[in-house]
Amino acid sequence: MPGLEWDRFASVRAVNAATIAEVEHENFIAALTEVDSAVPGSLIRREHGVVLLASGLPVRLFNEVLIGDASATADGIAAAVAVQRGRHERFVVNLRRGADDRFVGLMSDLGLALPTDHAPLPGMALDPIPEGAPRRIGGFEVRAVADASGLEDHIVTAAAGFGLPEEILRAIIAPDLWQRPDRTVYVGYAEGAPVTTGLGVRTGPAIGVYNIATVDSARKRGYGEVMTARIAADARAAGCRVAILQSSPMGFPIYKRLGYRTVVEYDGYIEPEATQVPASAPS
């Protein structure tokens, strides 16, 4: 992981906010790289401090330009934007407030703008992950995926929860994802039926919490909260000290209740003539 001394980070008791924000950002990049790399024909590049993620899928979350580190330049960002435009994909340039402010003016120069209904995407962290098991809900059980059948439950349930076509989830979730080191795929079952999903992506001492989705018929019952807590608790038992995620408006109050706090905010710049859609899928 560029820019971070993981051994030192894991050994200290108190970590400043800037370091936690960097941890969140690197995990976010790792998770997006993971899913985009599963898509045939995708282009993934990290050069001169700029991250280019181009999946070819019709969802901006999976076609991004991000600042990888302090060596990023305006020319590098412009080149990445040119690649995205050349592929004719709906894309977003996500800049972190504060850390990437030097490139805000460049967005206008490149013909990019914030959506009219824009709200920043919060990157949140739970540091440290607290001790203790997640609360239990009668009739509800979270299982780590251990076979192809469980992965199928994850795909179908996440697609329904996010309101995305199943083919999008099948494209970004590799068949062996549940078998990969530092990756754990989850499904939550209510009375035996799959209703909630989650994904843990570990980078160093951090666990990224992703794919938190609940089908409409099972919402407002605490299932997503229990899933989020379970991913963090499992990671703590495996040696992680911090959990991170990017929050939708729906999930934000839940994550705050669990102890997560905003450590970075992303502003997503898009083609101004494009249809206004969120820069990221719900979580």
Protein backbone atom coordinates (compact mmCIF):
# COMPACT_ATOMS: atom_id res chain seq x y z
CA MET A 1 0.00 0.00 0.00
CA PRO A 2 1.78 3.17 -1.17
CA GLY A 3 2.42 5.90 1.36
CA LEU A 4 1.61 4.02 4.55
CA GLU A 5 3.90 2.36 7.10
CA TRP A 6 1.51 -0.41 8.09
CA ASP A 7 3.65 -1.97 10.83
CA ARG A 8 4.07 1.37 12.54
CA PHE A 9 0.38 2.19 12.11
CA ALA A 10 -0.67 -1.09 13.71
CA SER A 11 1.57 -0.59 16.72
CA VAL A 12 0.42 2.83 17.90
CA ARG A 13 -2.56 3.49 20.15
CA ALA A 14 -3.58 6.85 18.73
CA VAL A 15 -3.50 7.71 15.04
CA ASN A 16 -4.11 11.20 13.73
CA ALA A 17 -7.08 12.01 11.52
CA ALA A 18 -4.97 12.50 8.40
CA THR A 19 -3.54 9.00 8.68
CA ILE A 20 -6.98 7.45 9.17
CA ALA A 21 -8.22 9.36 6.10
CA GLU A 22 -5.31 7.95 4.11
CA VAL A 23 -6.16 4.45 5.33
CA GLU A 24 -9.77 4.94 4.19
CA HIS A 25 -8.67 6.18 0.76
CA GLU A 26 -6.24 3.34 0.09
CA ASN A 27 -8.83 0.75 1.11
CA PHE A 28 -11.40 2.39 -1.16
CA ILE A 29 -8.96 2.21 -4.07
CA ALA A 30 -8.17 -1.43 -3.28
CA ALA A 31 -11.86 -2.38 -3.21
CA LEU A 32 -12.62 -0.62 -6.50
CA THR A 33 -9.56 -2.22 -8.09
CA GLU A 34 -10.76 -5.64 -6.91
CA VAL A 35 -14.20 -5.35 -8.48
CA ASP A 36 -13.07 -3.67 -11.70
CA SER A 37 -10.39 -6.30 -12.28
CA ALA A 38 -13.12 -8.96 -12.43
CA VAL A 39 -14.69 -7.31 -15.51
CA PRO A 40 -13.39 -8.50 -18.91
CA GLY A 41 -11.93 -5.60 -20.87
CA SER A 42 -11.49 -3.36 -17.86
CA LEU A 43 -8.55 -0.96 -17.68
CA ILE A 44 -6.84 -0.37 -14.35
CA ARG A 45 -3.82 1.88 -14.08
CA ARG A 46 -1.95 3.64 -11.29
CA GLU A 47 0.66 5.94 -12.75
CA HIS A 48 2.27 9.20 -11.62
CA GLY A 49 0.05 9.41 -8.56
CA VAL A 50 -3.24 9.03 -10.47
CA VAL A 51 -5.56 6.02 -10.30
CA LEU A 52 -7.58 5.14 -13.40
CA LEU A 53 -10.37 2.56 -13.01
CA ALA A 54 -12.39 1.89 -16.16
CA SER A 55 -14.67 -1.14 -16.09
CA GLY A 56 -16.88 -0.42 -19.07
CA LEU A 57 -19.97 -0.93 -16.92
CA PRO A 58 -22.76 1.70 -17.02
CA VAL A 59 -22.24 2.75 -13.39
CA ARG A 60 -19.93 5.66 -12.53
CA LEU A 61 -18.74 4.03 -9.32
CA PHE A 62 -16.86 1.51 -11.45
CA ASN A 63 -15.36 4.12 -13.82
CA GLU A 64 -13.30 6.49 -11.70
CA VAL A 65 -10.30 8.76 -11.60
CA LEU A 66 -8.82 9.26 -8.12
CA ILE A 67 -5.72 10.87 -6.68
CA GLY A 68 -3.42 8.08 -5.53
CA ASP A 69 -0.73 10.09 -3.79
CA ALA A 70 1.01 13.45 -3.54
CA SER A 71 2.93 12.94 -6.80
CA ALA A 72 -0.29 13.39 -8.84
CA THR A 73 -0.22 16.15 -11.46
CA ALA A 74 -2.80 18.00 -13.49
CA ASP A 75 -1.40 16.41 -16.65
CA GLY A 76 -1.80 12.96 -15.15
CA ILE A 77 -5.43 13.63 -14.25
CA ALA A 78 -6.14 15.11 -17.68
CA ALA A 79 -4.66 12.03 -19.33
CA ALA A 80 -6.83 9.72 -17.23
CA VAL A 81 -9.95 11.75 -18.06
CA ALA A 82 -9.04 11.53 -21.76
CA VAL A 83 -8.86 7.74 -21.48
CA GLN A 84 -12.28 7.60 -19.83
CA ARG A 85 -13.76 9.81 -22.54
CA GLY A 86 -12.12 7.72 -25.24
CA ARG A 87 -13.84 4.64 -23.85
CA HIS A 88 -17.21 6.45 -23.91
CA GLU A 89 -18.00 5.45 -20.35
CA ARG A 90 -19.93 7.31 -17.69
CA PHE A 91 -17.21 8.24 -15.22
CA VAL A 92 -16.50 10.33 -12.16
CA VAL A 93 -13.41 12.12 -10.89
CA ASN A 94 -13.57 11.86 -7.10
CA LEU A 95 -11.57 14.51 -5.25
CA ARG A 96 -11.13 14.53 -1.49
CA ARG A 97 -11.98 17.80 0.20
CA GLY A 98 -8.81 19.21 1.65
CA ALA A 99 -6.33 16.64 0.37
CA ASP A 100 -7.08 17.22 -3.33
CA ASP A 101 -8.16 20.87 -3.32
CA ARG A 102 -5.31 21.86 -5.65
CA PHE A 103 -7.15 20.12 -8.50
CA VAL A 104 -10.60 21.69 -8.04
CA GLY A 105 -9.90 24.41 -10.62
CA LEU A 106 -8.69 21.79 -13.07
CA MET A 107 -12.15 20.19 -13.10
CA SER A 108 -13.62 23.29 -14.74
CA ASP A 109 -10.72 23.39 -17.20
CA LEU A 110 -11.53 19.79 -18.16
CA GLY A 111 -15.22 20.58 -18.59
CA LEU A 112 -16.31 18.64 -15.51
CA ALA A 113 -18.70 19.84 -12.83
CA LEU A 114 -20.50 18.72 -9.71
CA PRO A 115 -24.06 17.45 -10.25
CA THR A 116 -26.76 19.98 -9.48
CA ASP A 117 -28.02 17.73 -6.68
CA HIS A 118 -24.52 17.07 -5.36
CA ALA A 119 -23.77 16.04 -1.81
CA PRO A 120 -20.31 14.85 -0.77
CA LEU A 121 -19.70 11.13 -0.31
CA PRO A 122 -18.58 10.56 3.30
CA GLY A 123 -15.63 8.25 3.94
CA MET A 124 -16.06 7.03 7.52
CA ALA A 125 -13.89 5.17 10.03
CA LEU A 126 -14.35 3.25 13.25
CA ASP A 127 -11.11 3.45 15.24
CA PRO A 128 -10.53 1.35 17.15
CA ILE A 129 -12.95 -1.47 16.39
CA PRO A 130 -14.65 -2.13 19.74
CA GLU A 131 -14.58 -5.42 21.56
CA GLY A 132 -17.67 -7.56 21.84
CA ALA A 133 -19.97 -9.49 19.53
CA PRO A 134 -22.68 -7.81 17.42
CA ARG A 135 -26.17 -7.81 18.87
CA ARG A 136 -28.41 -10.70 17.94
CA ILE A 137 -31.80 -10.55 16.23
CA GLY A 138 -34.11 -13.51 16.57
CA GLY A 139 -34.45 -15.52 13.38
CA PHE A 140 -31.57 -13.66 11.69
CA GLU A 141 -28.16 -15.21 11.03
CA VAL A 142 -25.07 -13.83 9.27
CA ARG A 143 -22.97 -16.41 7.43
CA ALA A 144 -19.59 -16.08 5.76
CA VAL A 145 -19.84 -17.46 2.22
CA ALA A 146 -18.14 -20.83 1.96
CA ASP A 147 -19.29 -22.14 -1.43
CA ALA A 148 -20.68 -21.18 -4.82
CA SER A 149 -24.26 -21.39 -3.55
CA GLY A 150 -23.56 -18.79 -0.87
CA LEU A 151 -21.92 -16.51 -3.43
CA GLU A 152 -25.02 -16.81 -5.61
CA ASP A 153 -27.16 -15.73 -2.65
CA HIS A 154 -24.85 -12.75 -2.18
CA ILE A 155 -25.09 -11.68 -5.82
CA VAL A 156 -28.86 -12.00 -6.12
CA THR A 157 -29.54 -10.32 -2.77
CA ALA A 158 -27.07 -7.46 -3.30
CA ALA A 159 -28.49 -6.74 -6.76
CA ALA A 160 -31.99 -6.55 -5.30
CA GLY A 161 -30.87 -4.44 -2.34
CA PHE A 162 -28.96 -1.95 -4.51
CA GLY A 163 -31.59 -1.89 -7.25
CA LEU A 164 -29.01 -2.92 -9.84
CA PRO A 165 -29.31 -5.52 -12.61
CA GLU A 166 -27.91 -8.88 -11.56
CA GLU A 167 -25.53 -8.83 -14.52
CA ILE A 168 -23.72 -5.85 -12.96
CA LEU A 169 -23.07 -7.78 -9.74
CA ARG A 170 -22.05 -10.90 -11.67
CA ALA A 171 -19.56 -8.83 -13.65
CA ILE A 172 -17.82 -7.32 -10.61
CA ILE A 173 -17.87 -10.27 -8.20
CA ALA A 174 -15.29 -12.86 -9.19
CA PRO A 175 -16.38 -16.50 -8.75
CA ASP A 176 -13.48 -17.09 -6.35
CA LEU A 177 -13.85 -13.86 -4.35
CA TRP A 178 -14.91 -15.76 -1.24
CA GLN A 179 -11.70 -17.81 -1.42
CA ARG A 180 -9.26 -14.91 -1.74
CA PRO A 181 -6.96 -13.90 1.14
CA ASP A 182 -8.14 -10.89 3.14
CA ARG A 183 -11.58 -10.98 1.51
CA THR A 184 -14.74 -12.25 3.23
CA VAL A 185 -18.15 -12.38 1.57
CA TYR A 186 -21.27 -12.45 3.76
CA VAL A 187 -24.99 -13.13 3.48
CA GLY A 188 -27.59 -12.45 6.18
CA TYR A 189 -30.54 -14.84 6.36
CA ALA A 190 -33.91 -14.13 8.00
CA GLU A 191 -35.81 -17.32 8.72
CA GLY A 192 -33.53 -19.03 6.20
CA ALA A 193 -34.10 -16.56 3.34
CA PRO A 194 -31.22 -14.33 2.12
CA VAL A 195 -32.06 -10.68 2.84
CA THR A 196 -28.80 -8.80 3.51
CA THR A 197 -25.24 -8.81 2.17
CA GLY A 198 -21.80 -7.58 3.19
CA LEU A 199 -18.19 -7.75 2.01
CA GLY A 200 -14.99 -7.28 4.00
CA VAL A 201 -11.85 -6.08 2.17
CA ARG A 202 -8.73 -6.03 4.32
CA THR A 203 -5.71 -3.83 3.65
CA GLY A 204 -3.06 -3.98 6.36
CA PRO A 205 -4.72 -3.30 9.74
CA ALA A 206 -7.88 -1.91 8.12
CA ILE A 207 -11.09 -3.66 7.10
CA GLY A 208 -13.24 -2.06 4.44
CA VAL A 209 -16.98 -2.66 4.81
CA TYR A 210 -18.72 -2.92 1.44
CA ASN A 211 -21.85 -4.27 -0.27
CA ILE A 212 -24.11 -3.54 2.68
CA ALA A 213 -27.47 -4.06 0.97
CA THR A 214 -30.85 -5.21 2.24
CA VAL A 215 -33.86 -6.16 0.13
CA ASP A 216 -36.82 -3.79 0.43
CA SER A 217 -39.04 -6.23 2.28
CA ALA A 218 -36.49 -6.69 5.08
CA ARG A 219 -35.43 -3.08 5.73
CA LYS A 220 -35.72 -1.20 9.02
CA ARG A 221 -35.23 -4.36 11.08
CA GLY A 222 -31.59 -3.81 12.01
CA TYR A 223 -30.17 -6.41 9.64
CA GLY A 224 -27.77 -4.04 7.88
CA GLU A 225 -26.50 -2.75 11.22
CA VAL A 226 -25.83 -6.28 12.46
CA MET A 227 -24.08 -7.14 9.20
CA THR A 228 -21.85 -4.05 9.42
CA ALA A 229 -20.93 -4.85 13.03
CA ARG A 230 -20.23 -8.51 12.19
CA ILE A 231 -17.74 -7.63 9.44
CA ALA A 232 -15.83 -5.33 11.80
CA ALA A 233 -15.95 -7.83 14.68
CA ASP A 234 -14.57 -10.65 12.50
CA ALA A 235 -11.80 -8.35 11.29
CA ARG A 236 -10.91 -7.33 14.83
CA ALA A 237 -10.57 -11.00 15.77
CA ALA A 238 -8.24 -11.39 12.77
CA GLY A 239 -6.02 -8.50 13.90
CA CYS A 240 -7.52 -5.37 12.30
CA ARG A 241 -7.78 -2.21 14.39
CA VAL A 242 -9.83 0.11 12.16
CA ALA A 243 -12.91 -0.32 9.97
CA ILE A 244 -13.73 2.02 7.09
CA LEU A 245 -16.61 2.53 4.68
CA GLN A 246 -18.21 5.03 2.32
CA SER A 247 -21.76 5.90 3.28
CA SER A 248 -24.98 6.51 1.41
CA PRO A 249 -27.47 8.96 2.96
CA MET A 250 -29.60 5.97 4.02
CA GLY A 251 -26.74 4.30 5.85
CA PHE A 252 -25.19 7.39 7.45
CA PRO A 253 -27.23 7.48 10.70
CA ILE A 254 -26.73 3.74 11.17
CA TYR A 255 -22.97 4.01 10.84
CA LYS A 256 -22.86 7.00 13.20
CA ARG A 257 -24.79 4.97 15.75
CA LEU A 258 -22.18 2.23 15.45
CA GLY A 259 -19.41 4.75 16.20
CA TYR A 260 -18.15 5.59 12.71
CA ARG A 261 -17.09 9.16 12.06
CA THR A 262 -16.47 11.02 8.83
CA VAL A 263 -12.73 11.29 8.08
CA VAL A 264 -12.90 12.44 4.45
CA GLU A 265 -15.48 13.74 1.99
CA TYR A 266 -15.41 13.05 -1.75
CA ASP A 267 -16.72 15.45 -4.37
CA GLY A 268 -17.59 13.64 -7.61
CA TYR A 269 -17.08 15.62 -10.83
CA ILE A 270 -18.86 14.43 -13.96
CA GLU A 271 -19.68 15.52 -17.49
CA PRO A 272 -22.21 18.35 -16.94
CA GLU A 273 -24.52 17.21 -19.71
CA ALA A 274 -24.72 13.70 -18.24
CA THR A 275 -27.82 12.39 -16.47
CA GLN A 276 -27.57 13.13 -12.77
CA VAL A 277 -26.95 9.87 -10.90
CA PRO A 278 -25.06 9.16 -7.68
CA ALA A 279 -21.29 8.81 -7.93
CA SER A 280 -21.45 5.59 -5.92
CA ALA A 281 -23.77 2.72 -5.23
CA PRO A 282 -25.60 2.65 -1.89
CA SER A 283 -23.89 1.09 1.09
